[in-house]
């Protein structure tokens, strides 16, 4: 009986550890709370894939140095519900990006909002979710 209880406790602990890692993957703890705005960023790659699509852009900072940014958006089915598609953008397109940058300072992060050259705004969130914009815009 004692070994049966120990086995159940070990099984429960293993399930908790595995499930907590899965939930942590989708947390916001790795990103800053205020988005960075990259105006006139040039798309270098747009990977429409699961489990998360990626957008890569080149952005010139205030000193003229080119920064290579990579941002993650949701899965293709969820992004289609927000108006995105495989053809939303292509390399060479100029866009404005609102991105929650990684706390490490690397030029990676989670996209919050994107504005295409024609003014179309796309988000990675439901319209009912409150906006967290208010970042200092980088031109």
N, C-alpha and C. Protein backbone atom coordinates (compact mmCIF):
# COMPACT_ATOMS: atom_id res chain seq x y z
N UNK A 1 0.83 -1.20 0.00
CA UNK A 1 0.00 0.00 0.00
C UNK A 1 0.87 1.25 0.00
N UNK A 2 1.94 1.24 0.81
CA UNK A 2 2.83 2.40 0.92
C UNK A 2 3.50 2.69 -0.42
N UNK A 3 3.92 1.64 -1.13
CA UNK A 3 4.57 1.85 -2.43
C UNK A 3 3.57 2.36 -3.46
N UNK A 4 2.31 1.97 -3.33
CA UNK A 4 1.27 2.43 -4.24
C UNK A 4 1.04 3.94 -4.07
N UNK A 5 1.03 4.40 -2.83
CA UNK A 5 0.85 5.83 -2.53
C UNK A 5 2.04 6.63 -3.05
N UNK A 6 3.25 6.12 -2.83
CA UNK A 6 4.45 6.80 -3.31
C UNK A 6 4.45 6.88 -4.84
N UNK A 7 4.01 5.81 -5.49
CA UNK A 7 3.94 5.80 -6.94
C UNK A 7 2.94 6.85 -7.43
N UNK A 8 1.79 6.96 -6.79
CA UNK A 8 0.78 7.95 -7.17
C UNK A 8 1.29 9.38 -6.94
N UNK A 9 2.00 9.60 -5.84
CA UNK A 9 2.57 10.93 -5.56
C UNK A 9 3.60 11.28 -6.63
N UNK A 10 4.44 10.32 -6.99
CA UNK A 10 5.45 10.57 -8.03
C UNK A 10 4.79 10.84 -9.37
N UNK A 11 3.76 10.11 -9.70
CA UNK A 11 3.03 10.32 -10.95
C UNK A 11 2.40 11.71 -10.97
N UNK A 12 1.75 12.09 -9.87
CA UNK A 12 1.13 13.41 -9.77
C UNK A 12 2.18 14.51 -9.92
N UNK A 13 3.32 14.38 -9.25
CA UNK A 13 4.39 15.38 -9.34
C UNK A 13 4.90 15.50 -10.78
N UNK A 14 5.02 14.37 -11.47
CA UNK A 14 5.47 14.41 -12.86
C UNK A 14 4.48 15.11 -13.75
N UNK A 15 3.21 14.86 -13.58
CA UNK A 15 2.17 15.51 -14.37
C UNK A 15 2.18 17.02 -14.11
N UNK A 16 2.32 17.42 -12.86
CA UNK A 16 2.35 18.85 -12.52
C UNK A 16 3.55 19.53 -13.17
N UNK A 17 4.71 18.90 -13.13
CA UNK A 17 5.90 19.50 -13.73
C UNK A 17 5.76 19.64 -15.24
N UNK A 18 5.24 18.64 -15.89
CA UNK A 18 5.07 18.69 -17.34
C UNK A 18 4.04 19.74 -17.72
N UNK A 19 2.92 19.78 -17.03
CA UNK A 19 1.87 20.74 -17.39
C UNK A 19 2.29 22.17 -17.09
N UNK A 20 3.06 22.40 -16.03
CA UNK A 20 3.49 23.78 -15.74
C UNK A 20 4.44 24.28 -16.81
N UNK A 21 5.27 23.41 -17.36
CA UNK A 21 6.17 23.83 -18.44
C UNK A 21 5.36 24.19 -19.69
N UNK A 22 4.32 23.45 -19.95
CA UNK A 22 3.48 23.74 -21.12
C UNK A 22 2.77 25.08 -20.97
N UNK A 23 2.27 25.38 -19.79
CA UNK A 23 1.60 26.66 -19.58
C UNK A 23 2.59 27.82 -19.58
N UNK A 24 3.78 27.61 -19.09
CA UNK A 24 4.79 28.68 -19.05
C UNK A 24 5.17 29.13 -20.45
N UNK A 25 5.10 28.24 -21.42
CA UNK A 25 5.44 28.58 -22.80
C UNK A 25 4.60 29.74 -23.32
N UNK A 26 3.37 29.86 -22.86
CA UNK A 26 2.48 30.89 -23.36
C UNK A 26 2.35 32.09 -22.42
N UNK A 27 3.22 32.21 -21.46
CA UNK A 27 3.16 33.33 -20.53
C UNK A 27 3.81 34.58 -21.10
N UNK A 28 3.59 35.70 -20.44
CA UNK A 28 4.16 36.98 -20.86
C UNK A 28 5.36 37.40 -20.01
N UNK A 29 5.81 36.56 -19.10
CA UNK A 29 6.86 36.93 -18.17
C UNK A 29 8.19 37.27 -18.86
N UNK A 30 8.42 36.74 -20.04
CA UNK A 30 9.68 36.96 -20.74
C UNK A 30 9.74 38.30 -21.47
N UNK A 31 8.61 39.02 -21.52
CA UNK A 31 8.53 40.25 -22.31
C UNK A 31 8.26 41.47 -21.45
N UNK A 32 8.74 42.62 -21.92
CA UNK A 32 8.46 43.88 -21.22
C UNK A 32 6.97 44.20 -21.34
N UNK A 33 6.48 45.10 -20.48
CA UNK A 33 5.05 45.43 -20.46
C UNK A 33 4.64 46.50 -21.45
N UNK A 34 5.58 47.29 -21.92
CA UNK A 34 5.27 48.38 -22.84
C UNK A 34 5.87 48.06 -24.21
N UNK A 35 5.06 48.12 -25.25
CA UNK A 35 5.59 47.76 -26.56
C UNK A 35 6.58 48.79 -27.11
N UNK A 36 7.51 48.31 -27.86
CA UNK A 36 8.43 49.13 -28.62
C UNK A 36 7.80 49.30 -30.00
N UNK A 37 7.85 50.50 -30.54
CA UNK A 37 7.26 50.75 -31.85
C UNK A 37 8.38 50.94 -32.86
N UNK A 38 8.35 50.13 -33.90
CA UNK A 38 9.35 50.21 -34.96
C UNK A 38 8.66 50.75 -36.21
N UNK A 39 8.87 52.03 -36.48
CA UNK A 39 8.26 52.64 -37.67
C UNK A 39 9.17 52.42 -38.87
N UNK A 40 8.55 52.19 -40.02
CA UNK A 40 9.27 51.99 -41.28
C UNK A 40 10.20 50.78 -41.24
N UNK A 41 9.74 49.72 -40.59
CA UNK A 41 10.49 48.47 -40.59
C UNK A 41 10.23 47.77 -41.93
N UNK A 42 11.25 47.10 -42.44
CA UNK A 42 11.14 46.42 -43.73
C UNK A 42 11.08 44.91 -43.49
N UNK A 43 10.04 44.29 -44.00
CA UNK A 43 9.86 42.85 -43.85
C UNK A 43 10.96 42.13 -44.62
N UNK A 44 11.65 41.21 -43.94
CA UNK A 44 12.66 40.38 -44.60
C UNK A 44 12.17 38.94 -44.76
N UNK A 45 11.25 38.53 -43.88
CA UNK A 45 10.73 37.17 -43.95
C UNK A 45 9.39 37.11 -43.21
N UNK A 46 8.45 36.37 -43.75
CA UNK A 46 7.15 36.16 -43.12
C UNK A 46 6.86 34.67 -43.22
N UNK A 47 6.97 33.97 -42.10
CA UNK A 47 6.80 32.53 -42.07
C UNK A 47 5.43 32.18 -41.50
N UNK A 48 4.51 31.82 -42.36
CA UNK A 48 3.15 31.46 -42.00
C UNK A 48 3.17 29.98 -41.64
N UNK A 49 3.24 29.66 -40.34
CA UNK A 49 3.41 28.27 -39.92
C UNK A 49 2.85 28.07 -38.52
N UNK A 50 2.73 26.82 -38.14
CA UNK A 50 2.31 26.46 -36.78
C UNK A 50 3.51 25.89 -36.04
N UNK A 51 3.62 26.01 -34.73
CA UNK A 51 2.58 26.50 -33.84
C UNK A 51 2.51 28.03 -33.75
N UNK A 52 3.55 28.73 -34.18
CA UNK A 52 3.52 30.20 -34.18
C UNK A 52 4.15 30.70 -35.47
N UNK A 53 3.49 31.65 -36.10
CA UNK A 53 4.06 32.28 -37.28
C UNK A 53 5.12 33.29 -36.84
N UNK A 54 6.06 33.56 -37.73
CA UNK A 54 7.14 34.50 -37.41
C UNK A 54 7.21 35.61 -38.46
N UNK A 55 7.54 36.80 -37.99
CA UNK A 55 7.78 37.94 -38.86
C UNK A 55 9.18 38.43 -38.56
N UNK A 56 9.98 38.60 -39.59
CA UNK A 56 11.34 39.14 -39.42
C UNK A 56 11.42 40.45 -40.18
N UNK A 57 11.99 41.46 -39.54
CA UNK A 57 12.11 42.78 -40.16
C UNK A 57 13.49 43.36 -39.90
N UNK A 58 13.86 44.29 -40.77
CA UNK A 58 15.05 45.11 -40.54
C UNK A 58 14.55 46.49 -40.17
N UNK A 59 15.16 47.06 -39.13
CA UNK A 59 14.76 48.36 -38.63
C UNK A 59 16.01 49.20 -38.39
N UNK A 60 16.01 50.44 -38.91
CA UNK A 60 17.14 51.34 -38.67
C UNK A 60 16.88 52.11 -37.39
N UNK A 61 17.81 52.00 -36.44
CA UNK A 61 17.65 52.74 -35.18
C UNK A 61 18.02 54.20 -35.37
N UNK A 62 18.01 54.97 -34.28
CA UNK A 62 18.26 56.40 -34.33
C UNK A 62 19.64 56.75 -34.90
N UNK A 63 20.60 55.82 -34.78
CA UNK A 63 21.95 56.08 -35.27
C UNK A 63 22.14 55.61 -36.71
N UNK A 64 21.09 54.99 -37.29
CA UNK A 64 21.19 54.48 -38.65
C UNK A 64 21.63 53.04 -38.72
N UNK A 65 21.92 52.44 -37.56
CA UNK A 65 22.34 51.04 -37.54
C UNK A 65 21.12 50.15 -37.76
N UNK A 66 21.27 49.14 -38.64
CA UNK A 66 20.18 48.22 -38.93
C UNK A 66 20.11 47.15 -37.84
N UNK A 67 18.91 47.01 -37.29
CA UNK A 67 18.64 45.96 -36.31
C UNK A 67 17.77 44.90 -36.98
N UNK A 68 18.07 43.65 -36.72
CA UNK A 68 17.30 42.53 -37.27
C UNK A 68 16.36 42.03 -36.17
N UNK A 69 15.06 42.24 -36.33
CA UNK A 69 14.06 41.86 -35.34
C UNK A 69 13.31 40.62 -35.79
N UNK A 70 12.99 39.76 -34.83
CA UNK A 70 12.14 38.60 -35.08
C UNK A 70 11.01 38.64 -34.07
N UNK A 71 9.78 38.50 -34.57
CA UNK A 71 8.63 38.52 -33.66
C UNK A 71 7.72 37.36 -33.94
N UNK A 72 7.08 36.92 -32.88
CA UNK A 72 6.18 35.78 -32.94
C UNK A 72 4.74 36.27 -32.92
N UNK A 73 3.90 35.59 -33.70
CA UNK A 73 2.45 35.81 -33.61
C UNK A 73 1.81 34.46 -33.35
N UNK A 74 0.51 34.41 -33.27
CA UNK A 74 -0.19 33.17 -32.96
C UNK A 74 -0.17 32.15 -34.07
N UNK A 75 -0.89 31.08 -33.85
CA UNK A 75 -0.99 30.01 -34.84
C UNK A 75 -1.79 30.48 -36.04
N UNK A 76 -1.62 29.80 -37.15
CA UNK A 76 -2.33 30.22 -38.36
C UNK A 76 -3.85 30.20 -38.20
N UNK A 77 -4.45 29.18 -37.56
CA UNK A 77 -5.91 29.24 -37.40
C UNK A 77 -6.37 30.43 -36.55
N UNK A 78 -5.66 30.72 -35.47
CA UNK A 78 -6.07 31.84 -34.63
C UNK A 78 -5.84 33.18 -35.32
N UNK A 79 -4.77 33.30 -36.08
CA UNK A 79 -4.49 34.56 -36.77
C UNK A 79 -5.47 34.80 -37.91
N UNK A 80 -5.95 33.75 -38.55
CA UNK A 80 -6.95 33.91 -39.59
C UNK A 80 -8.24 34.53 -39.03
N UNK A 81 -8.54 34.22 -37.78
CA UNK A 81 -9.71 34.81 -37.13
C UNK A 81 -9.54 36.31 -36.91
N UNK A 82 -8.29 36.77 -36.90
CA UNK A 82 -7.98 38.20 -36.71
C UNK A 82 -7.71 38.92 -38.04
N UNK A 83 -7.93 38.23 -39.17
CA UNK A 83 -7.79 38.86 -40.47
C UNK A 83 -6.46 38.65 -41.17
N UNK A 84 -5.57 37.84 -40.59
CA UNK A 84 -4.28 37.56 -41.20
C UNK A 84 -4.42 36.44 -42.23
N UNK A 85 -3.46 36.37 -43.16
CA UNK A 85 -3.40 35.26 -44.11
C UNK A 85 -1.95 35.04 -44.53
N UNK A 86 -1.76 34.02 -45.31
CA UNK A 86 -0.43 33.69 -45.85
C UNK A 86 0.13 34.85 -46.69
N UNK A 87 -0.76 35.68 -47.25
CA UNK A 87 -0.34 36.75 -48.15
C UNK A 87 -0.47 38.15 -47.52
N UNK A 88 -0.56 38.21 -46.21
CA UNK A 88 -0.72 39.50 -45.52
C UNK A 88 0.42 40.46 -45.86
N UNK A 89 1.63 39.93 -45.95
CA UNK A 89 2.79 40.75 -46.27
C UNK A 89 3.82 39.89 -46.99
N UNK A 90 4.80 40.57 -47.56
CA UNK A 90 5.87 39.86 -48.25
C UNK A 90 7.18 40.61 -48.02
N UNK A 91 8.30 39.94 -48.23
CA UNK A 91 9.59 40.61 -48.08
C UNK A 91 9.64 41.89 -48.91
N UNK A 92 10.15 42.95 -48.30
CA UNK A 92 10.24 44.25 -48.96
C UNK A 92 9.16 45.22 -48.53
N UNK A 93 8.05 44.72 -47.96
CA UNK A 93 6.99 45.60 -47.49
C UNK A 93 7.48 46.43 -46.31
N UNK A 94 7.04 47.69 -46.26
CA UNK A 94 7.37 48.57 -45.14
C UNK A 94 6.17 48.61 -44.21
N UNK A 95 6.41 48.35 -42.93
CA UNK A 95 5.35 48.27 -41.94
C UNK A 95 5.75 48.99 -40.66
N UNK A 96 4.77 49.20 -39.79
CA UNK A 96 5.04 49.69 -38.43
C UNK A 96 4.66 48.56 -37.49
N UNK A 97 5.53 48.28 -36.55
CA UNK A 97 5.37 47.14 -35.66
C UNK A 97 5.33 47.61 -34.21
N UNK A 98 4.38 47.08 -33.46
CA UNK A 98 4.33 47.27 -32.01
C UNK A 98 4.68 45.92 -31.41
N UNK A 99 5.81 45.85 -30.73
CA UNK A 99 6.32 44.56 -30.25
C UNK A 99 6.69 44.62 -28.78
N UNK A 100 6.30 43.59 -28.05
CA UNK A 100 6.74 43.44 -26.66
C UNK A 100 8.09 42.73 -26.72
N UNK A 101 9.14 43.50 -26.51
CA UNK A 101 10.51 42.99 -26.63
C UNK A 101 10.84 42.07 -25.46
N UNK A 102 11.72 41.12 -25.71
CA UNK A 102 12.21 40.23 -24.67
C UNK A 102 12.93 41.05 -23.61
N UNK A 103 12.76 40.68 -22.35
CA UNK A 103 13.40 41.39 -21.24
C UNK A 103 14.92 41.29 -21.31
N UNK A 104 15.44 40.32 -22.06
CA UNK A 104 16.88 40.15 -22.19
C UNK A 104 17.51 41.28 -23.00
N UNK A 105 16.67 42.05 -23.73
CA UNK A 105 17.19 43.11 -24.58
C UNK A 105 17.48 42.67 -26.00
N UNK A 106 17.34 41.37 -26.26
CA UNK A 106 17.53 40.89 -27.63
C UNK A 106 16.43 41.46 -28.52
N UNK A 107 16.68 41.53 -29.81
CA UNK A 107 15.71 42.09 -30.74
C UNK A 107 14.73 41.02 -31.19
N UNK A 108 14.06 40.44 -30.22
CA UNK A 108 13.02 39.44 -30.43
C UNK A 108 11.86 39.77 -29.52
N UNK A 109 10.67 39.27 -29.86
CA UNK A 109 9.55 39.52 -28.98
C UNK A 109 8.24 39.00 -29.53
N UNK A 110 7.19 39.42 -28.87
CA UNK A 110 5.82 39.03 -29.21
C UNK A 110 5.11 40.22 -29.83
N UNK A 111 4.60 40.04 -31.03
CA UNK A 111 3.90 41.12 -31.73
C UNK A 111 2.59 41.45 -31.03
N UNK A 112 2.29 42.75 -30.94
CA UNK A 112 1.01 43.18 -30.40
C UNK A 112 0.14 43.81 -31.48
N UNK A 113 0.76 44.56 -32.37
CA UNK A 113 0.01 45.26 -33.42
C UNK A 113 0.94 45.50 -34.59
N UNK A 114 0.36 45.49 -35.79
CA UNK A 114 1.12 45.73 -37.00
C UNK A 114 0.29 46.65 -37.89
N UNK A 115 0.93 47.64 -38.50
CA UNK A 115 0.25 48.55 -39.41
C UNK A 115 0.91 48.41 -40.78
N UNK A 116 0.13 47.98 -41.76
CA UNK A 116 0.64 47.82 -43.12
C UNK A 116 0.77 49.19 -43.79
N UNK A 117 1.45 49.23 -44.91
CA UNK A 117 1.69 50.49 -45.63
C UNK A 117 0.39 51.19 -46.03
N UNK A 118 -0.67 50.41 -46.28
CA UNK A 118 -1.95 51.02 -46.67
C UNK A 118 -2.79 51.47 -45.47
N UNK A 119 -2.23 51.33 -44.26
CA UNK A 119 -2.93 51.77 -43.05
C UNK A 119 -3.72 50.68 -42.36
N UNK A 120 -3.81 49.50 -42.96
CA UNK A 120 -4.51 48.39 -42.34
C UNK A 120 -3.82 48.00 -41.04
N UNK A 121 -4.60 47.92 -39.95
CA UNK A 121 -4.06 47.51 -38.65
C UNK A 121 -4.47 46.08 -38.35
N UNK A 122 -3.49 45.28 -37.96
CA UNK A 122 -3.73 43.90 -37.58
C UNK A 122 -3.16 43.68 -36.19
N UNK A 123 -3.88 42.90 -35.39
CA UNK A 123 -3.41 42.61 -34.05
C UNK A 123 -3.29 41.11 -33.86
N UNK A 124 -2.68 40.77 -32.76
CA UNK A 124 -2.53 39.37 -32.38
C UNK A 124 -3.40 39.12 -31.15
N UNK A 125 -4.52 39.84 -31.10
CA UNK A 125 -5.39 39.71 -29.93
C UNK A 125 -6.82 39.97 -30.35
N UNK A 126 -7.71 39.56 -29.52
CA UNK A 126 -9.13 39.79 -29.73
C UNK A 126 -9.43 41.27 -29.53
N UNK A 127 -10.35 41.82 -30.28
CA UNK A 127 -10.71 43.24 -30.16
C UNK A 127 -11.22 43.57 -28.77
N UNK A 128 -11.72 42.59 -28.03
CA UNK A 128 -12.23 42.82 -26.68
C UNK A 128 -11.10 42.96 -25.66
N UNK A 129 -9.89 42.54 -26.03
CA UNK A 129 -8.76 42.65 -25.11
C UNK A 129 -8.28 44.09 -25.07
N UNK A 130 -8.13 44.67 -23.88
CA UNK A 130 -7.70 46.06 -23.78
C UNK A 130 -6.33 46.29 -24.42
N UNK A 131 -6.17 47.42 -25.05
CA UNK A 131 -4.91 47.78 -25.67
C UNK A 131 -3.89 48.15 -24.60
N UNK A 132 -2.63 47.79 -24.84
CA UNK A 132 -1.56 48.17 -23.93
C UNK A 132 -0.58 49.10 -24.63
N UNK A 133 -1.05 49.81 -25.67
CA UNK A 133 -0.16 50.69 -26.41
C UNK A 133 0.24 51.86 -25.52
N UNK A 134 1.15 52.65 -25.99
CA UNK A 134 1.62 53.79 -25.22
C UNK A 134 3.14 53.84 -25.26
N UNK A 135 3.72 53.05 -26.13
CA UNK A 135 5.17 53.00 -26.21
C UNK A 135 5.73 54.26 -26.87
N UNK A 136 6.97 54.50 -26.60
CA UNK A 136 7.70 55.57 -27.27
C UNK A 136 7.92 55.12 -28.70
N UNK A 137 7.46 55.88 -29.67
CA UNK A 137 7.62 55.49 -31.06
C UNK A 137 9.04 55.73 -31.53
N UNK A 138 9.59 54.80 -32.28
CA UNK A 138 10.92 54.94 -32.86
C UNK A 138 10.73 55.22 -34.33
N UNK A 139 11.26 56.33 -34.79
CA UNK A 139 11.09 56.70 -36.21
C UNK A 139 12.38 56.50 -36.96
